[in-house]
PDB file of N, CA and C in Angstrom:
ATOM      1  N   MET A   1      11.739  14.946  12.553  1.00  0.00           N
ATOM      2  CA  MET A   1      11.252  15.014  12.106  1.00  0.00           C
ATOM      3  C   MET A   1       9.631  14.944  13.838  1.00  0.00           C
ATOM      4  N   GLU A   2       8.910  15.587  13.434  1.00  0.00           N
ATOM      5  CA  GLU A   2       7.942  16.044  14.536  1.00  0.00           C
ATOM      6  C   GLU A   2       7.572  14.619  14.810  1.00  0.00           C
ATOM      7  N   ASN A   3       6.997  14.268  15.404  1.00  0.00           N
ATOM      8  CA  ASN A   3       5.590  12.731  16.115  1.00  0.00           C
ATOM      9  C   ASN A   3       4.745  12.985  15.915  1.00  0.00           C
ATOM     10  N   ILE A   4       4.687  11.654  15.060  1.00  0.00           N
ATOM     11  CA  ILE A   4       3.505  11.649  13.809  1.00  0.00           C
ATOM     12  C   ILE A   4       2.100  11.534  15.894  1.00  0.00           C
ATOM     13  N   SER A   5       2.612  11.142  16.390  1.00  0.00           N
ATOM     14  CA  SER A   5       1.272  11.033  16.925  1.00  0.00           C
ATOM     15  C   SER A   5       0.612  12.090  18.037  1.00  0.00           C
ATOM     16  N   ASP A   6       1.621  12.937  18.313  1.00  0.00           N
ATOM     17  CA  ASP A   6       1.941  13.633  19.096  1.00  0.00           C
ATOM     18  C   ASP A   6       1.485  15.576  18.009  1.00  0.00           C
ATOM     19  N   ASN A   7       1.410  14.879  17.099  1.00  0.00           N
ATOM     20  CA  ASN A   7       0.977  16.433  15.607  1.00  0.00           C
ATOM     21  C   ASN A   7      -0.496  16.219  15.210  1.00  0.00           C
ATOM     22  N   GLU A   8      -1.247  17.560  14.949  1.00  0.00           N
ATOM     23  CA  GLU A   8      -2.097  17.312  14.252  1.00  0.00           C
ATOM     24  C   GLU A   8      -2.353  16.917  13.320  1.00  0.00           C
ATOM     25  N   LYS A   9      -1.325  17.976  12.019  1.00  0.00           N
ATOM     26  CA  LYS A   9      -0.725  18.168  10.695  1.00  0.00           C
ATOM     27  C   LYS A   9       1.018  18.375  11.101  1.00  0.00           C
ATOM     28  N   VAL A  10       1.863  16.650   9.876  1.00  0.00           N
ATOM     29  CA  VAL A  10       2.464  16.955   9.532  1.00  0.00           C
ATOM     30  C   VAL A  10       2.915  17.390   8.409  1.00  0.00           C
ATOM     31  N   SER A  11       3.855  18.502   8.911  1.00  0.00           N
ATOM     32  CA  SER A  11       4.516  19.814   7.545  1.00  0.00           C
ATOM     33  C   SER A  11       5.810  18.916   7.607  1.00  0.00           C
ATOM     34  N   ASN A  12       6.878  18.802   7.547  1.00  0.00           N
ATOM     35  CA  ASN A  12       7.761  18.137   7.130  1.00  0.00           C
ATOM     36  C   ASN A  12       7.897  16.342   7.611  1.00  0.00           C
ATOM     37  N   LEU A  13       8.160  15.683   5.796  1.00  0.00           N
ATOM     38  CA  LEU A  13       7.449  14.563   6.398  1.00  0.00           C
ATOM     39  C   LEU A  13       8.774  13.858   5.586  1.00  0.00           C
ATOM     40  N   ASP A  14       9.404  12.638   6.507  1.00  0.00           N
ATOM     41  CA  ASP A  14      11.417  12.324   5.723  1.00  0.00           C
ATOM     42  C   ASP A  14      10.562  11.220   4.422  1.00  0.00           C
ATOM     43  N   SER A  15      11.002  10.370   3.494  1.00  0.00           N
ATOM     44  CA  SER A  15      10.661   9.845   2.777  1.00  0.00           C
ATOM     45  C   SER A  15      10.538   8.607   3.277  1.00  0.00           C
ATOM     46  N   LEU A  16      10.580   8.016   4.034  1.00  0.00           N
ATOM     47  CA  LEU A  16       9.988   6.324   4.266  1.00  0.00           C
ATOM     48  C   LEU A  16       9.535   6.039   6.255  1.00  0.00           C
ATOM     49  N   TYR A  17       8.882   5.834   5.744  1.00  0.00           N
ATOM     50  CA  TYR A  17       8.110   5.322   7.487  1.00  0.00           C
ATOM     51  C   TYR A  17       7.536   4.041   7.215  1.00  0.00           C
ATOM     52  N   LEU A  18       8.031   2.977   8.384  1.00  0.00           N
ATOM     53  CA  LEU A  18       8.449   1.839   9.295  1.00  0.00           C
ATOM     54  C   LEU A  18       7.155   1.764   9.871  1.00  0.00           C
ATOM     55  N   PHE A  19       5.700   0.968   9.642  1.00  0.00           N
ATOM     56  CA  PHE A  19       5.162   1.119  11.200  1.00  0.00           C
ATOM     57  C   PHE A  19       4.776  -0.523  11.777  1.00  0.00           C
ATOM     58  N   TYR A  20       4.881  -0.746  12.165  1.00  0.00           N
ATOM     59  CA  TYR A  20       4.118  -2.088  12.083  1.00  0.00           C
ATOM     60  C   TYR A  20       4.262  -1.933  14.111  1.00  0.00           C
ATOM     61  N   GLY A  21       4.006  -3.141  13.798  1.00  0.00           N
ATOM     62  CA  GLY A  21       3.708  -3.927  15.567  1.00  0.00           C
ATOM     63  C   GLY A  21       1.927  -4.068  16.489  1.00  0.00           C
ATOM     64  N   PRO A  22       1.462  -4.716  16.945  1.00  0.00           N
ATOM     65  CA  PRO A  22      -0.079  -5.080  17.525  1.00  0.00           C
ATOM     66  C   PRO A  22      -0.836  -3.715  17.646  1.00  0.00           C
ATOM     67  N   GLU A  23      -0.384  -2.338  17.398  1.00  0.00           N
ATOM     68  CA  GLU A  23      -1.224  -1.756  17.948  1.00  0.00           C
ATOM     69  C   GLU A  23      -1.481  -0.839  16.672  1.00  0.00           C
ATOM     70  N   LYS A  24      -2.826  -1.945  15.809  1.00  0.00           N
ATOM     71  CA  LYS A  24      -3.737  -0.876  14.850  1.00  0.00           C
ATOM     72  C   LYS A  24      -3.836   0.119  14.899  1.00  0.00           C
ATOM     73  N   TYR A  25      -4.638   0.456  16.031  1.00  0.00           N
ATOM     74  CA  TYR A  25      -5.185   1.597  15.816  1.00  0.00           C
ATOM     75  C   TYR A  25      -4.111   2.780  15.763  1.00  0.00           C
ATOM     76  N   LEU A  26      -3.127   2.866  16.906  1.00  0.00           N
ATOM     77  CA  LEU A  26      -2.291   3.773  16.737  1.00  0.00           C
ATOM     78  C   LEU A  26      -1.789   4.053  15.343  1.00  0.00           C
ATOM     79  N   ILE A  27      -1.110   2.925  14.763  1.00  0.00           N
ATOM     80  CA  ILE A  27      -0.607   2.917  13.476  1.00  0.00           C
ATOM     81  C   ILE A  27      -1.905   3.477  11.945  1.00  0.00           C
ATOM     82  N   GLU A  28      -3.070   3.427  12.644  1.00  0.00           N
ATOM     83  CA  GLU A  28      -4.482   4.291  12.102  1.00  0.00           C
ATOM     84  C   GLU A  28      -4.179   4.989  11.881  1.00  0.00           C
ATOM     85  N   GLU A  29      -4.281   5.556  12.888  1.00  0.00           N
ATOM     86  CA  GLU A  29      -3.364   7.091  13.019  1.00  0.00           C
ATOM     87  C   GLU A  29      -3.213   8.122  12.735  1.00  0.00           C
ATOM     88  N   ALA A  30      -1.502   6.921  12.793  1.00  0.00           N
ATOM     89  CA  ALA A  30       0.359   7.550  11.991  1.00  0.00           C
ATOM     90  C   ALA A  30      -0.368   7.902  10.713  1.00  0.00           C
ATOM     91  N   VAL A  31      -1.423   7.133   9.712  1.00  0.00           N
ATOM     92  CA  VAL A  31      -1.730   7.203   8.321  1.00  0.00           C
ATOM     93  C   VAL A  31      -2.446   8.267   8.113  1.00  0.00           C
ATOM     94  N   LYS A  32      -3.303   8.495   8.552  1.00  0.00           N
ATOM     95  CA  LYS A  32      -4.305   9.588   8.743  1.00  0.00           C
ATOM     96  C   LYS A  32      -3.713  10.967   8.757  1.00  0.00           C
ATOM     97  N   LYS A  33      -2.694  10.826   9.945  1.00  0.00           N
ATOM     98  CA  LYS A  33      -2.146  11.985   9.643  1.00  0.00           C
ATOM     99  C   LYS A  33      -1.075  12.360   8.488  1.00  0.00           C
ATOM    100  N   ILE A  34      -0.677  11.591   8.472  1.00  0.00           N
ATOM    101  CA  ILE A  34       0.274  11.519   6.636  1.00  0.00           C
ATOM    102  C   ILE A  34      -0.554  12.056   5.836  1.00  0.00           C
ATOM    103  N   LYS A  35      -1.431  11.416   5.488  1.00  0.00           N
ATOM    104  CA  LYS A  35      -3.151  11.911   4.384  1.00  0.00           C
ATOM    105  C   LYS A  35      -3.078  12.777   4.563  1.00  0.00           C
ATOM    106  N   LYS A  36      -2.970  13.299   5.375  1.00  0.00           N
ATOM    107  CA  LYS A  36      -4.107  14.789   5.829  1.00  0.00           C
ATOM    108  C   LYS A  36      -2.577  16.013   5.113  1.00  0.00           C
ATOM    109  N   SER A  37      -1.279  15.576   5.232  1.00  0.00           N
ATOM    110  CA  SER A  37      -0.657  16.872   4.852  1.00  0.00           C
ATOM    111  C   SER A  37      -0.652  16.518   3.798  1.00  0.00           C
ATOM    112  N   PHE A  38      -0.331  15.640   2.462  1.00  0.00           N
ATOM    113  CA  PHE A  38      -0.972  16.352   1.321  1.00  0.00           C
ATOM    114  C   PHE A  38      -2.475  16.673   1.041  1.00  0.00           C
ATOM    115  N   GLU A  39      -2.184  17.905  -0.050  1.00  0.00           N
ATOM    116  CA  GLU A  39      -3.289  18.315  -0.258  1.00  0.00           C
ATOM    117  C   GLU A  39      -4.156  17.943  -0.845  1.00  0.00           C
ATOM    118  N   LYS A  40      -4.114  17.288  -1.331  1.00  0.00           N
ATOM    119  CA  LYS A  40      -5.249  16.034  -2.445  1.00  0.00           C
ATOM    120  C   LYS A  40      -4.513  14.354  -2.781  1.00  0.00           C
ATOM    121  N   LEU A  41      -5.052  13.859  -2.407  1.00  0.00           N
ATOM    122  CA  LEU A  41      -4.332  12.607  -3.018  1.00  0.00           C
ATOM    123  C   LEU A  41      -5.457  12.018  -4.343  1.00  0.00           C
ATOM    124  N   GLN A  42      -4.826  10.988  -5.170  1.00  0.00           N
ATOM    125  CA  GLN A  42      -5.341  11.112  -6.274  1.00  0.00           C
ATOM    126  C   GLN A  42      -4.451   9.485  -6.042  1.00  0.00           C
ATOM    127  N   LYS A  43      -5.237   8.225  -6.803  1.00  0.00           N
ATOM    128  CA  LYS A  43      -5.071   7.330  -6.884  1.00  0.00           C
ATOM    129  C   LYS A  43      -4.775   6.705  -7.849  1.00  0.00           C
ATOM    130  N   GLY A  44      -3.527   5.873  -7.813  1.00  0.00           N
ATOM    131  CA  GLY A  44      -2.810   5.244  -8.906  1.00  0.00           C
ATOM    132  C   GLY A  44      -1.506   6.125  -9.591  1.00  0.00           C
ATOM    133  N   ILE A  45      -1.803   7.892  -9.156  1.00  0.00           N
ATOM    134  CA  ILE A  45      -0.546   8.347  -9.462  1.00  0.00           C
ATOM    135  C   ILE A  45      -0.069   9.103  -8.619  1.00  0.00           C
ATOM    136  N   ASN A  46      -0.422   9.897  -7.134  1.00  0.00           N
ATOM    137  CA  ASN A  46       0.317  10.114  -6.405  1.00  0.00           C
ATOM    138  C   ASN A  46      -0.351   9.559  -4.713  1.00  0.00           C
ATOM    139  N   TYR A  47      -1.512   8.188  -5.116  1.00  0.00           N
ATOM    140  CA  TYR A  47      -1.792   7.426  -4.179  1.00  0.00           C
ATOM    141  C   TYR A  47      -1.701   6.534  -4.468  1.00  0.00           C
ATOM    142  N   ILE A  48      -0.993   5.336  -4.146  1.00  0.00           N
ATOM    143  CA  ILE A  48      -0.775   3.596  -4.043  1.00  0.00           C
ATOM    144  C   ILE A  48      -0.911   3.000  -2.733  1.00  0.00           C
ATOM    145  N   GLU A  49      -1.596   2.478  -2.936  1.00  0.00           N
ATOM    146  CA  GLU A  49      -2.117   0.760  -2.023  1.00  0.00           C
ATOM    147  C   GLU A  49      -1.605  -0.516  -2.772  1.00  0.00           C
ATOM    148  N   ILE A  50      -0.439  -0.714  -1.884  1.00  0.00           N
ATOM    149  CA  ILE A  50       0.167  -2.371  -1.920  1.00  0.00           C
ATOM    150  C   ILE A  50       0.045  -3.709  -1.162  1.00  0.00           C
ATOM    151  N   SER A  51      -0.807  -4.542  -1.511  1.00  0.00           N
ATOM    152  CA  SER A  51      -1.273  -5.084  -0.078  1.00  0.00           C
ATOM    153  C   SER A  51      -0.353  -6.799  -0.761  1.00  0.00           C
ATOM    154  N   GLU A  52      -0.193  -7.841  -0.598  1.00  0.00           N
ATOM    155  CA  GLU A  52      -0.351  -9.163  -0.567  1.00  0.00           C
ATOM    156  C   GLU A  52       0.459  -9.466  -2.328  1.00  0.00           C
ATOM    157  N   ASN A  53      -1.226  -8.842  -2.332  1.00  0.00           N
ATOM    158  CA  ASN A  53      -1.610  -9.191  -4.225  1.00  0.00           C
ATOM    159  C   ASN A  53      -1.439  -8.575  -5.201  1.00  0.00           C
ATOM    160  N   ASN A  54      -1.041  -7.496  -4.954  1.00  0.00           N
ATOM    161  CA  ASN A  54      -0.140  -6.964  -5.744  1.00  0.00           C
ATOM    162  C   ASN A  54       1.210  -6.462  -5.373  1.00  0.00           C
ATOM    163  N   ILE A  55       1.501  -7.030  -4.977  1.00  0.00           N
ATOM    164  CA  ILE A  55       3.354  -6.837  -3.854  1.00  0.00           C
ATOM    165  C   ILE A  55       4.060  -6.417  -5.387  1.00  0.00           C
ATOM    166  N   ILE A  56       4.429  -7.489  -6.727  1.00  0.00           N
ATOM    167  CA  ILE A  56       4.817  -7.685  -7.483  1.00  0.00           C
ATOM    168  C   ILE A  56       5.305  -6.089  -8.177  1.00  0.00           C
ATOM    169  N   ASP A  57       4.364  -4.743  -7.550  1.00  0.00           N
ATOM    170  CA  ASP A  57       3.891  -3.912  -8.402  1.00  0.00           C
ATOM    171  C   ASP A  57       4.944  -2.696  -8.079  1.00  0.00           C
ATOM    172  N   ILE A  58       5.148  -3.145  -6.537  1.00  0.00           N
ATOM    173  CA  ILE A  58       5.731  -2.306  -5.587  1.00  0.00           C
ATOM    174  C   ILE A  58       7.501  -1.650  -6.416  1.00  0.00           C
ATOM    175  N   ILE A  59       7.565  -2.080  -6.657  1.00  0.00           N
ATOM    176  CA  ILE A  59       9.213  -1.891  -7.859  1.00  0.00           C
ATOM    177  C   ILE A  59       8.881  -0.522  -8.593  1.00  0.00           C
ATOM    178  N   SER A  60       7.612  -1.104  -9.804  1.00  0.00           N
ATOM    179  CA  SER A  60       7.281   0.304 -10.684  1.00  0.00           C
ATOM    180  C   SER A  60       6.620   1.352  -9.999  1.00  0.00           C
ATOM    181  N   ASN A  61       5.896   0.923  -8.732  1.00  0.00           N
ATOM    182  CA  ASN A  61       5.692   2.443  -8.726  1.00  0.00           C
ATOM    183  C   ASN A  61       6.032   3.097  -7.280  1.00  0.00           C
ATOM    184  N   LEU A  62       7.186   2.717  -7.111  1.00  0.00           N
ATOM    185  CA  LEU A  62       8.370   3.296  -6.495  1.00  0.00           C
ATOM    186  C   LEU A  62       9.218   4.382  -7.377  1.00  0.00           C
ATOM    187  N   GLU A  63       9.604   3.671  -9.088  1.00  0.00           N
ATOM    188  CA  GLU A  63      10.106   4.421  -9.685  1.00  0.00           C
ATOM    189  C   GLU A  63       9.027   5.099 -11.100  1.00  0.00           C
ATOM    190  N   THR A  64       7.967   4.506 -10.729  1.00  0.00           N
ATOM    191  CA  THR A  64       7.165   5.817 -11.453  1.00  0.00           C
ATOM    192  C   THR A  64       6.927   7.394 -10.872  1.00  0.00           C
ATOM    193  N   PRO A  65       6.877   8.090 -11.305  1.00  0.00           N
ATOM    194  CA  PRO A  65       7.719   9.497 -10.001  1.00  0.00           C
ATOM    195  C   PRO A  65       5.119  10.078 -10.844  1.00  0.00           C
ATOM    196  N   PRO A  66       5.716  11.061  -9.471  1.00  0.00           N
ATOM    197  CA  PRO A  66       4.289  11.111  -9.777  1.00  0.00           C
ATOM    198  C   PRO A  66       3.949  12.515 -10.370  1.00  0.00           C
ATOM    199  N   PHE A  67       3.260  12.705 -10.922  1.00  0.00           N
ATOM    200  CA  PHE A  67       2.770  13.152 -12.446  1.00  0.00           C
ATOM    201  C   PHE A  67       1.709  13.863 -12.084  1.00  0.00           C
ATOM    202  N   GLY A  68       1.949  16.166 -11.939  1.00  0.00           N
ATOM    203  CA  GLY A  68       1.540  17.164 -11.517  1.00  0.00           C
ATOM    204  C   GLY A  68       1.637  16.283 -10.130  1.00  0.00           C
ATOM    205  N   PHE A  69       2.683  16.366  -8.928  1.00  0.00           N
ATOM    206  CA  PHE A  69       2.902  16.316  -7.871  1.00  0.00           C
ATOM    207  C   PHE A  69       3.621  16.589  -7.329  1.00  0.00           C
ATOM    208  N   ASP A  70       4.044  16.858  -6.420  1.00  0.00           N
ATOM    209  CA  ASP A  70       5.412  17.237  -5.533  1.00  0.00           C
ATOM    210  C   ASP A  70       6.319  15.612  -5.343  1.00  0.00           C
ATOM    211  N   LYS A  71       4.992  15.538  -4.281  1.00  0.00           N
ATOM    212  CA  LYS A  71       5.956  13.677  -3.883  1.00  0.00           C
ATOM    213  C   LYS A  71       3.737  13.017  -4.438  1.00  0.00           C
ATOM    214  N   LYS A  72       4.648  11.732  -3.477  1.00  0.00           N
ATOM    215  CA  LYS A  72       3.069  10.367  -3.891  1.00  0.00           C
ATOM    216  C   LYS A  72       3.624   9.210  -2.402  1.00  0.00           C
ATOM    217  N   LEU A  73       2.393   9.415  -1.989  1.00  0.00           N
ATOM    218  CA  LEU A  73       2.259   8.405  -0.906  1.00  0.00           C
ATOM    219  C   LEU A  73       2.199   6.576  -1.795  1.00  0.00           C
ATOM    220  N   ILE A  74       2.356   6.118  -0.838  1.00  0.00           N
ATOM    221  CA  ILE A  74       2.903   4.657  -1.141  1.00  0.00           C
ATOM    222  C   ILE A  74       2.287   4.299   0.302  1.00  0.00           C
ATOM    223  N   ILE A  75       0.990   2.996   0.516  1.00  0.00           N
ATOM    224  CA  ILE A  75       1.262   2.211   1.604  1.00  0.00           C
ATOM    225  C   ILE A  75       1.183   0.926   1.343  1.00  0.00           C
ATOM    226  N   VAL A  76       1.834   0.117   1.455  1.00  0.00           N
ATOM    227  CA  VAL A  76       2.120  -1.049   1.805  1.00  0.00           C
ATOM    228  C   VAL A  76       1.284  -1.996   3.217  1.00  0.00           C
ATOM    229  N   LYS A  77       0.520  -2.326   3.248  1.00  0.00           N
ATOM    230  CA  LYS A  77       0.067  -3.502   3.717  1.00  0.00           C
ATOM    231  C   LYS A  77       0.102  -4.541   4.050  1.00  0.00           C
ATOM    232  N   ASN A  78       0.203  -5.495   4.838  1.00  0.00           N
ATOM    233  CA  ASN A  78       0.826  -6.789   5.047  1.00  0.00           C
ATOM    234  C   ASN A  78       1.052  -7.865   3.646  1.00  0.00           C
ATOM    235  N   SER A  79       2.102  -6.700   2.868  1.00  0.00           N
ATOM    236  CA  SER A  79       3.044  -7.048   2.817  1.00  0.00           C
ATOM    237  C   SER A  79       3.819  -9.189   2.548  1.00  0.00           C
ATOM    238  N   GLY A  80       4.081  -8.807   2.983  1.00  0.00           N
ATOM    239  CA  GLY A  80       5.023 -10.650   4.145  1.00  0.00           C
ATOM    240  C   GLY A  80       6.644  -9.699   3.630  1.00  0.00           C
ATOM    241  N   LEU A  81       6.746  -8.943   2.954  1.00  0.00           N
ATOM    242  CA  LEU A  81       8.537  -8.112   3.406  1.00  0.00           C
ATOM    243  C   LEU A  81       9.133  -8.205   4.919  1.00  0.00           C
ATOM    244  N   PHE A  82       9.087  -7.417   5.243  1.00  0.00           N
ATOM    245  CA  PHE A  82       9.579  -7.916   7.051  1.00  0.00           C
ATOM    246  C   PHE A  82       8.905  -8.821   8.279  1.00  0.00           C
ATOM    247  N   LYS A  83       8.071 -10.113   7.546  1.00  0.00           N
ATOM    248  CA  LYS A  83       8.171 -11.189   7.710  1.00  0.00           C
ATOM    249  C   LYS A  83       9.730 -12.025   8.056  1.00  0.00           C
ATOM    250  N   LYS A  84       9.796 -12.252   9.302  1.00  0.00           N
ATOM    251  CA  LYS A  84      10.947 -12.648   9.318  1.00  0.00           C
ATOM    252  C   LYS A  84      10.458 -14.947   8.803  1.00  0.00           C
ATOM    253  N   ASP A  85      11.727 -15.493   8.671  1.00  0.00           N
ATOM    254  CA  ASP A  85      11.400 -17.024   8.157  1.00  0.00           C
ATOM    255  C   ASP A  85      11.760 -17.866   8.703  1.00  0.00           C
ATOM    256  N   THR A  86      10.695 -18.491   9.203  1.00  0.00           N
ATOM    257  CA  THR A  86      10.921 -19.020  10.771  1.00  0.00           C
ATOM    258  C   THR A  86      11.094 -20.903   9.974  1.00  0.00           C
ATOM    259  N   LYS A  87      11.989 -20.388   9.119  1.00  0.00           N
ATOM    260  CA  LYS A  87      11.823 -22.496   8.405  1.00  0.00           C
ATOM    261  C   LYS A  87      13.346 -22.691   8.331  1.00  0.00           C
ATOM    262  N   ALA A  88      13.662 -23.814   8.642  1.00  0.00           N
ATOM    263  CA  ALA A  88      14.987 -24.347   9.270  1.00  0.00           C
ATOM    264  C   ALA A  88      15.544 -24.643   8.198  1.00  0.00           C
ATOM    265  N   ARG A  89      17.130 -23.686   7.927  1.00  0.00           N
ATOM    266  CA  ARG A  89      17.518 -23.959   6.539  1.00  0.00           C
ATOM    267  C   ARG A  89      19.145 -24.769   7.277  1.00  0.00           C
TER     268      ARG A  89
END
């Protein structure tokens, strides 16, 4: 896989990326470059945004094919899925 931050257009995408950390600008730039690699993004069909408000929809969106498109882009932001549980057990 090409380094997303070094290339203007990403031609060969892998299936899954996890971007995290304090550098929000770098994360947003990487997401923009991935979006540019799609010819057309149709919200709700091959482009899905998931946040903490609709995290329950993630499984159905992963299982639904991108009707009329070769691939699908699902962006999950601020979901809390990867947060470390700091409660004592």
